[in-house]
Amino acid sequence: MVSYDEAVKQVLANKIILAWIIKYSTKEYSDYSVFEIAEKFIDGEPQISKETVHRDEVPESIEGTNNEDSSLKEGVVRFDIKFKAIIPETVNRADMIINIEAQNFYPGYPIIKRGIYYASRMISSA
């Protein structure tokens, strides 16, 4: 299961794949080609399971280790794929921080709650 999870993250972290996702899920990029988005607007390289959701946790290396661990209270969760995208046509440079989470199971609670939690962690750690 871990190897499938890592393989999916590697595929989804490809800039062209990310460009397809944000082109059709955000209005800011809808008028641009996938190749323009990948080349001009995705800033740097996407982080794959390197940043923890809990700011007090130290991220582990992705090489050969399980990057998802649990604790007694909430558990340590890591952003699957996190990257910055430059927002087109802004007077001053503005970035969008995007987190892509791949799920192959139903966790037993509404996915929207997890999305709100992850977004809140990104905002509070900025």
N, C-alpha and C. Protein backbone atom coordinates (compact mmCIF):
# COMPACT_ATOMS: atom_id res chain seq x y z
N MET A 1 0.83 -1.19 0.00
CA MET A 1 0.00 0.00 0.00
C MET A 1 0.87 1.26 0.00
N VAL A 2 1.96 1.28 0.78
CA VAL A 2 2.83 2.43 0.84
C VAL A 2 3.45 2.70 -0.52
N SER A 3 3.88 1.66 -1.23
CA SER A 3 4.51 1.87 -2.54
C SER A 3 3.51 2.45 -3.54
N TYR A 4 2.24 2.03 -3.48
CA TYR A 4 1.22 2.61 -4.35
C TYR A 4 1.02 4.08 -4.02
N ASP A 5 0.98 4.39 -2.74
CA ASP A 5 0.79 5.76 -2.28
C ASP A 5 1.92 6.65 -2.81
N GLU A 6 3.14 6.20 -2.66
CA GLU A 6 4.29 6.99 -3.15
C GLU A 6 4.27 7.11 -4.66
N ALA A 7 3.89 6.06 -5.36
CA ALA A 7 3.82 6.11 -6.82
C ALA A 7 2.79 7.13 -7.28
N VAL A 8 1.63 7.15 -6.64
CA VAL A 8 0.59 8.12 -6.99
C VAL A 8 1.08 9.54 -6.73
N LYS A 9 1.75 9.75 -5.62
CA LYS A 9 2.28 11.08 -5.31
C LYS A 9 3.29 11.52 -6.36
N GLN A 10 4.15 10.61 -6.80
CA GLN A 10 5.14 10.95 -7.83
C GLN A 10 4.46 11.34 -9.14
N VAL A 11 3.42 10.63 -9.52
CA VAL A 11 2.70 10.95 -10.75
C VAL A 11 2.00 12.30 -10.61
N LEU A 12 1.28 12.49 -9.51
CA LEU A 12 0.54 13.73 -9.32
C LEU A 12 1.45 14.95 -9.18
N ALA A 13 2.68 14.76 -8.75
CA ALA A 13 3.60 15.88 -8.56
C ALA A 13 4.26 16.35 -9.85
N ASN A 14 4.01 15.66 -10.94
CA ASN A 14 4.52 16.09 -12.24
C ASN A 14 3.87 17.43 -12.60
N LYS A 15 4.67 18.39 -13.02
CA LYS A 15 4.13 19.73 -13.28
C LYS A 15 3.01 19.75 -14.32
N ILE A 16 3.11 18.90 -15.33
CA ILE A 16 2.04 18.86 -16.34
C ILE A 16 0.74 18.35 -15.73
N ILE A 17 0.82 17.34 -14.88
CA ILE A 17 -0.38 16.81 -14.20
C ILE A 17 -0.96 17.88 -13.29
N LEU A 18 -0.10 18.54 -12.51
CA LEU A 18 -0.58 19.62 -11.63
C LEU A 18 -1.22 20.74 -12.44
N ALA A 19 -0.64 21.04 -13.60
CA ALA A 19 -1.20 22.09 -14.46
C ALA A 19 -2.60 21.72 -14.93
N TRP A 20 -2.82 20.45 -15.30
CA TRP A 20 -4.17 20.00 -15.68
C TRP A 20 -5.14 20.18 -14.51
N ILE A 21 -4.69 19.82 -13.31
CA ILE A 21 -5.57 19.91 -12.14
C ILE A 21 -5.96 21.36 -11.87
N ILE A 22 -4.97 22.26 -11.84
CA ILE A 22 -5.33 23.65 -11.49
C ILE A 22 -6.02 24.38 -12.64
N LYS A 23 -5.75 23.98 -13.87
CA LYS A 23 -6.45 24.60 -15.01
C LYS A 23 -7.96 24.39 -14.89
N TYR A 24 -8.36 23.19 -14.51
CA TYR A 24 -9.79 22.86 -14.48
C TYR A 24 -10.42 22.95 -13.09
N SER A 25 -9.65 23.42 -12.10
CA SER A 25 -10.24 23.56 -10.77
C SER A 25 -10.14 24.99 -10.22
N THR A 26 -9.48 25.88 -10.95
CA THR A 26 -9.39 27.28 -10.51
C THR A 26 -9.68 28.20 -11.69
N LYS A 27 -10.37 29.28 -11.45
CA LYS A 27 -10.69 30.21 -12.54
C LYS A 27 -9.47 31.00 -13.00
N GLU A 28 -8.49 31.20 -12.11
CA GLU A 28 -7.32 32.01 -12.46
C GLU A 28 -6.52 31.44 -13.63
N TYR A 29 -6.57 30.13 -13.84
CA TYR A 29 -5.75 29.49 -14.86
C TYR A 29 -6.56 28.94 -16.04
N SER A 30 -7.85 29.12 -16.02
CA SER A 30 -8.71 28.48 -17.03
C SER A 30 -8.43 28.95 -18.46
N ASP A 31 -7.92 30.15 -18.65
CA ASP A 31 -7.68 30.67 -19.99
C ASP A 31 -6.28 30.34 -20.52
N TYR A 32 -5.48 29.65 -19.74
CA TYR A 32 -4.10 29.33 -20.14
C TYR A 32 -3.99 27.87 -20.54
N SER A 33 -3.02 27.59 -21.39
CA SER A 33 -2.79 26.19 -21.77
C SER A 33 -2.09 25.47 -20.62
N VAL A 34 -2.20 24.17 -20.62
CA VAL A 34 -1.56 23.36 -19.60
C VAL A 34 -0.04 23.59 -19.62
N PHE A 35 0.52 23.71 -20.80
CA PHE A 35 1.97 23.92 -20.91
C PHE A 35 2.39 25.29 -20.38
N GLU A 36 1.56 26.32 -20.64
CA GLU A 36 1.85 27.65 -20.07
C GLU A 36 1.82 27.61 -18.55
N ILE A 37 0.83 26.96 -18.01
CA ILE A 37 0.70 26.86 -16.56
C ILE A 37 1.92 26.17 -15.96
N ALA A 38 2.29 25.04 -16.54
CA ALA A 38 3.43 24.27 -16.02
C ALA A 38 4.73 25.06 -16.10
N GLU A 39 4.94 25.76 -17.21
CA GLU A 39 6.21 26.48 -17.41
C GLU A 39 6.27 27.83 -16.71
N LYS A 40 5.18 28.59 -16.75
CA LYS A 40 5.20 29.96 -16.27
C LYS A 40 4.72 30.14 -14.84
N PHE A 41 3.78 29.31 -14.40
CA PHE A 41 3.08 29.62 -13.16
C PHE A 41 3.35 28.67 -12.00
N ILE A 42 3.75 27.44 -12.25
CA ILE A 42 4.09 26.56 -11.13
C ILE A 42 5.50 26.90 -10.70
N ASP A 43 5.62 27.39 -9.50
CA ASP A 43 6.87 27.96 -9.00
C ASP A 43 7.72 26.90 -8.32
N GLY A 44 8.92 26.67 -8.82
CA GLY A 44 9.83 25.71 -8.20
C GLY A 44 9.37 24.28 -8.41
N GLU A 45 9.83 23.40 -7.53
CA GLU A 45 9.47 21.98 -7.59
C GLU A 45 8.48 21.66 -6.48
N PRO A 46 7.44 20.91 -6.80
CA PRO A 46 6.47 20.52 -5.76
C PRO A 46 7.13 19.69 -4.66
N GLN A 47 6.71 19.93 -3.43
CA GLN A 47 7.19 19.14 -2.29
C GLN A 47 6.30 17.91 -2.16
N ILE A 48 6.93 16.76 -2.02
CA ILE A 48 6.17 15.51 -1.90
C ILE A 48 6.41 14.93 -0.51
N SER A 49 5.39 14.94 0.32
CA SER A 49 5.44 14.37 1.68
C SER A 49 6.62 14.86 2.50
N LYS A 50 7.03 16.10 2.29
CA LYS A 50 8.17 16.61 3.04
C LYS A 50 7.76 17.54 4.17
N GLU A 51 6.60 18.12 4.07
CA GLU A 51 6.21 19.09 5.08
C GLU A 51 5.08 18.53 5.93
N THR A 52 5.27 18.57 7.26
CA THR A 52 4.24 18.06 8.14
C THR A 52 3.11 19.07 8.28
N VAL A 53 1.94 18.59 8.57
CA VAL A 53 0.81 19.46 8.82
C VAL A 53 0.97 20.13 10.18
N HIS A 54 1.54 19.40 11.13
CA HIS A 54 1.77 19.96 12.47
C HIS A 54 3.12 20.66 12.47
N ARG A 55 3.14 21.96 12.76
CA ARG A 55 4.37 22.72 12.64
C ARG A 55 5.44 22.29 13.62
N ASP A 56 5.11 21.60 14.71
CA ASP A 56 6.11 21.17 15.68
C ASP A 56 6.79 19.87 15.30
N GLU A 57 6.32 19.22 14.27
CA GLU A 57 6.91 17.96 13.84
C GLU A 57 8.05 18.21 12.86
N VAL A 58 9.09 17.40 12.95
CA VAL A 58 10.21 17.48 12.03
C VAL A 58 9.97 16.49 10.91
N PRO A 59 9.98 16.94 9.64
CA PRO A 59 9.73 16.01 8.55
C PRO A 59 10.86 15.00 8.39
N GLU A 60 10.48 13.78 8.01
CA GLU A 60 11.46 12.73 7.73
C GLU A 60 11.85 12.80 6.28
N SER A 61 12.95 12.15 5.95
CA SER A 61 13.36 12.05 4.56
C SER A 61 12.38 11.17 3.81
N ILE A 62 12.12 11.50 2.57
CA ILE A 62 11.20 10.70 1.77
C ILE A 62 11.86 9.42 1.27
N GLU A 63 13.16 9.36 1.26
CA GLU A 63 13.87 8.23 0.68
C GLU A 63 13.78 6.99 1.56
N GLY A 64 13.04 6.02 1.12
CA GLY A 64 12.98 4.71 1.77
C GLY A 64 12.29 4.67 3.11
N THR A 65 11.57 5.73 3.49
CA THR A 65 10.89 5.70 4.78
C THR A 65 9.41 5.99 4.57
N ASN A 66 8.63 5.60 5.54
CA ASN A 66 7.21 5.91 5.52
C ASN A 66 7.06 7.34 6.02
N ASN A 67 6.52 8.21 5.21
CA ASN A 67 6.39 9.62 5.56
C ASN A 67 5.10 9.95 6.27
N GLU A 68 4.31 8.95 6.56
CA GLU A 68 3.09 9.17 7.31
C GLU A 68 3.16 8.36 8.58
N ASP A 69 3.09 9.03 9.69
CA ASP A 69 3.25 8.41 10.99
C ASP A 69 2.05 8.81 11.83
N SER A 70 1.87 8.16 12.96
CA SER A 70 0.73 8.52 13.80
C SER A 70 1.18 8.77 15.23
N SER A 71 0.40 9.57 15.94
CA SER A 71 0.65 9.83 17.35
C SER A 71 -0.61 9.44 18.12
N LEU A 72 -0.56 9.55 19.43
CA LEU A 72 -1.69 9.14 20.26
C LEU A 72 -2.89 10.07 20.12
N LYS A 73 -2.65 11.36 19.90
CA LYS A 73 -3.77 12.30 19.87
C LYS A 73 -4.33 12.49 18.47
N GLU A 74 -3.63 13.21 17.62
CA GLU A 74 -4.16 13.51 16.30
C GLU A 74 -3.46 12.75 15.20
N GLY A 75 -2.27 12.33 15.44
CA GLY A 75 -1.49 11.69 14.40
C GLY A 75 -0.72 12.72 13.60
N VAL A 76 0.40 12.32 13.09
CA VAL A 76 1.19 13.19 12.24
C VAL A 76 0.75 12.93 10.81
N VAL A 77 0.35 13.97 10.16
CA VAL A 77 -0.01 13.85 8.76
C VAL A 77 0.85 14.81 7.96
N ARG A 78 1.19 14.43 6.76
CA ARG A 78 2.02 15.26 5.90
C ARG A 78 1.22 15.66 4.67
N PHE A 79 1.49 16.85 4.19
CA PHE A 79 0.89 17.27 2.94
C PHE A 79 1.42 16.34 1.86
N ASP A 80 0.53 15.72 1.08
CA ASP A 80 0.99 14.82 0.01
C ASP A 80 1.82 15.60 -1.00
N ILE A 81 1.22 16.59 -1.62
CA ILE A 81 1.92 17.39 -2.63
C ILE A 81 1.55 18.85 -2.38
N LYS A 82 2.56 19.65 -2.10
CA LYS A 82 2.33 21.07 -1.82
C LYS A 82 3.23 21.87 -2.76
N PHE A 83 2.64 22.89 -3.38
CA PHE A 83 3.43 23.71 -4.29
C PHE A 83 2.84 25.11 -4.37
N LYS A 84 3.64 26.03 -4.90
CA LYS A 84 3.18 27.40 -5.11
C LYS A 84 2.94 27.61 -6.59
N ALA A 85 1.92 28.38 -6.88
CA ALA A 85 1.63 28.77 -8.25
C ALA A 85 1.48 30.29 -8.28
N ILE A 86 2.13 30.90 -9.24
CA ILE A 86 2.05 32.35 -9.41
C ILE A 86 0.68 32.66 -10.02
N ILE A 87 -0.02 33.60 -9.43
CA ILE A 87 -1.34 33.96 -9.93
C ILE A 87 -1.15 34.88 -11.15
N PRO A 88 -1.71 34.49 -12.29
CA PRO A 88 -1.55 35.31 -13.50
C PRO A 88 -2.20 36.68 -13.38
N GLU A 89 -1.64 37.62 -14.13
CA GLU A 89 -2.21 38.95 -14.29
C GLU A 89 -2.47 39.68 -12.98
N THR A 90 -1.53 39.59 -12.06
CA THR A 90 -1.64 40.38 -10.84
C THR A 90 -0.61 41.51 -10.93
N VAL A 91 -0.96 42.67 -10.38
CA VAL A 91 -0.06 43.83 -10.45
C VAL A 91 1.23 43.53 -9.71
N ASN A 92 1.12 43.10 -8.48
CA ASN A 92 2.27 42.65 -7.71
C ASN A 92 2.23 41.14 -7.67
N ARG A 93 3.38 40.52 -7.62
CA ARG A 93 3.41 39.05 -7.61
C ARG A 93 2.59 38.51 -6.43
N ALA A 94 1.74 37.58 -6.74
CA ALA A 94 0.94 36.91 -5.71
C ALA A 94 1.01 35.42 -5.98
N ASP A 95 1.12 34.64 -4.93
CA ASP A 95 1.21 33.19 -5.05
C ASP A 95 -0.02 32.53 -4.46
N MET A 96 -0.32 31.38 -4.99
CA MET A 96 -1.36 30.51 -4.45
C MET A 96 -0.61 29.29 -3.91
N ILE A 97 -0.87 28.90 -2.69
CA ILE A 97 -0.28 27.68 -2.14
C ILE A 97 -1.31 26.58 -2.29
N ILE A 98 -0.92 25.50 -2.98
CA ILE A 98 -1.87 24.45 -3.33
C ILE A 98 -1.41 23.13 -2.72
N ASN A 99 -2.33 22.41 -2.14
CA ASN A 99 -2.06 21.10 -1.57
C ASN A 99 -2.96 20.09 -2.27
N ILE A 100 -2.34 19.05 -2.83
CA ILE A 100 -3.08 17.97 -3.49
C ILE A 100 -2.99 16.75 -2.58
N GLU A 101 -4.12 16.17 -2.23
CA GLU A 101 -4.15 14.98 -1.38
C GLU A 101 -4.84 13.85 -2.14
N ALA A 102 -4.14 12.76 -2.31
CA ALA A 102 -4.70 11.59 -2.98
C ALA A 102 -5.29 10.65 -1.93
N GLN A 103 -6.52 10.19 -2.16
CA GLN A 103 -7.18 9.28 -1.21
C GLN A 103 -7.62 8.01 -1.93
N ASN A 104 -7.30 6.87 -1.34
CA ASN A 104 -7.78 5.61 -1.92
C ASN A 104 -8.71 4.88 -0.96
N PHE A 105 -9.16 5.59 0.07
CA PHE A 105 -10.07 4.99 1.04
C PHE A 105 -10.94 6.09 1.64
N TYR A 106 -12.02 5.70 2.26
CA TYR A 106 -12.86 6.65 2.99
C TYR A 106 -12.42 6.64 4.44
N PRO A 107 -11.96 7.78 4.98
CA PRO A 107 -11.39 7.79 6.33
C PRO A 107 -12.39 7.68 7.47
N GLY A 108 -13.70 7.68 7.18
CA GLY A 108 -14.68 7.57 8.25
C GLY A 108 -15.22 8.91 8.72
N TYR A 109 -14.81 9.98 8.10
CA TYR A 109 -15.31 11.31 8.41
C TYR A 109 -15.39 12.09 7.09
N PRO A 110 -16.16 13.19 7.07
CA PRO A 110 -16.28 13.94 5.82
C PRO A 110 -14.92 14.48 5.34
N ILE A 111 -14.60 14.26 4.08
CA ILE A 111 -13.33 14.71 3.50
C ILE A 111 -13.20 16.23 3.62
N ILE A 112 -14.31 16.95 3.57
CA ILE A 112 -14.25 18.41 3.67
C ILE A 112 -13.63 18.85 5.00
N LYS A 113 -13.87 18.09 6.08
CA LYS A 113 -13.26 18.42 7.37
C LYS A 113 -11.74 18.33 7.29
N ARG A 114 -11.25 17.31 6.63
CA ARG A 114 -9.81 17.16 6.47
C ARG A 114 -9.25 18.32 5.64
N GLY A 115 -9.97 18.71 4.58
CA GLY A 115 -9.53 19.84 3.76
C GLY A 115 -9.46 21.13 4.56
N ILE A 116 -10.46 21.36 5.40
CA ILE A 116 -10.47 22.57 6.23
C ILE A 116 -9.32 22.54 7.22
N TYR A 117 -9.07 21.37 7.81
CA TYR A 117 -7.96 21.24 8.76
C TYR A 117 -6.62 21.52 8.08
N TYR A 118 -6.39 20.91 6.91
CA TYR A 118 -5.13 21.11 6.20
C TYR A 118 -4.97 22.57 5.78
N ALA A 119 -6.04 23.19 5.26
CA ALA A 119 -5.97 24.59 4.85
C ALA A 119 -5.67 25.48 6.06
N SER A 120 -6.28 25.17 7.18
CA SER A 120 -6.05 25.95 8.41
C SER A 120 -4.59 25.83 8.86
N ARG A 121 -4.03 24.63 8.75
CA ARG A 121 -2.62 24.43 9.12
C ARG A 121 -1.70 25.23 8.19
N MET A 122 -2.02 25.25 6.90
CA MET A 122 -1.20 26.03 5.97
C MET A 122 -1.27 27.52 6.30
N ILE A 123 -2.46 28.02 6.62
CA ILE A 123 -2.61 29.43 6.94
C ILE A 123 -1.89 29.77 8.24
N SER A 124 -2.06 28.95 9.25
CA SER A 124 -1.45 29.27 10.55
C SER A 124 0.06 29.13 10.56
N SER A 125 0.61 28.36 9.62
CA SER A 125 2.06 28.21 9.59
C SER A 125 2.74 29.21 8.68
N ALA A 126 1.95 30.02 7.98
CA ALA A 126 2.54 31.00 7.03
C ALA A 126 3.14 32.18 7.75
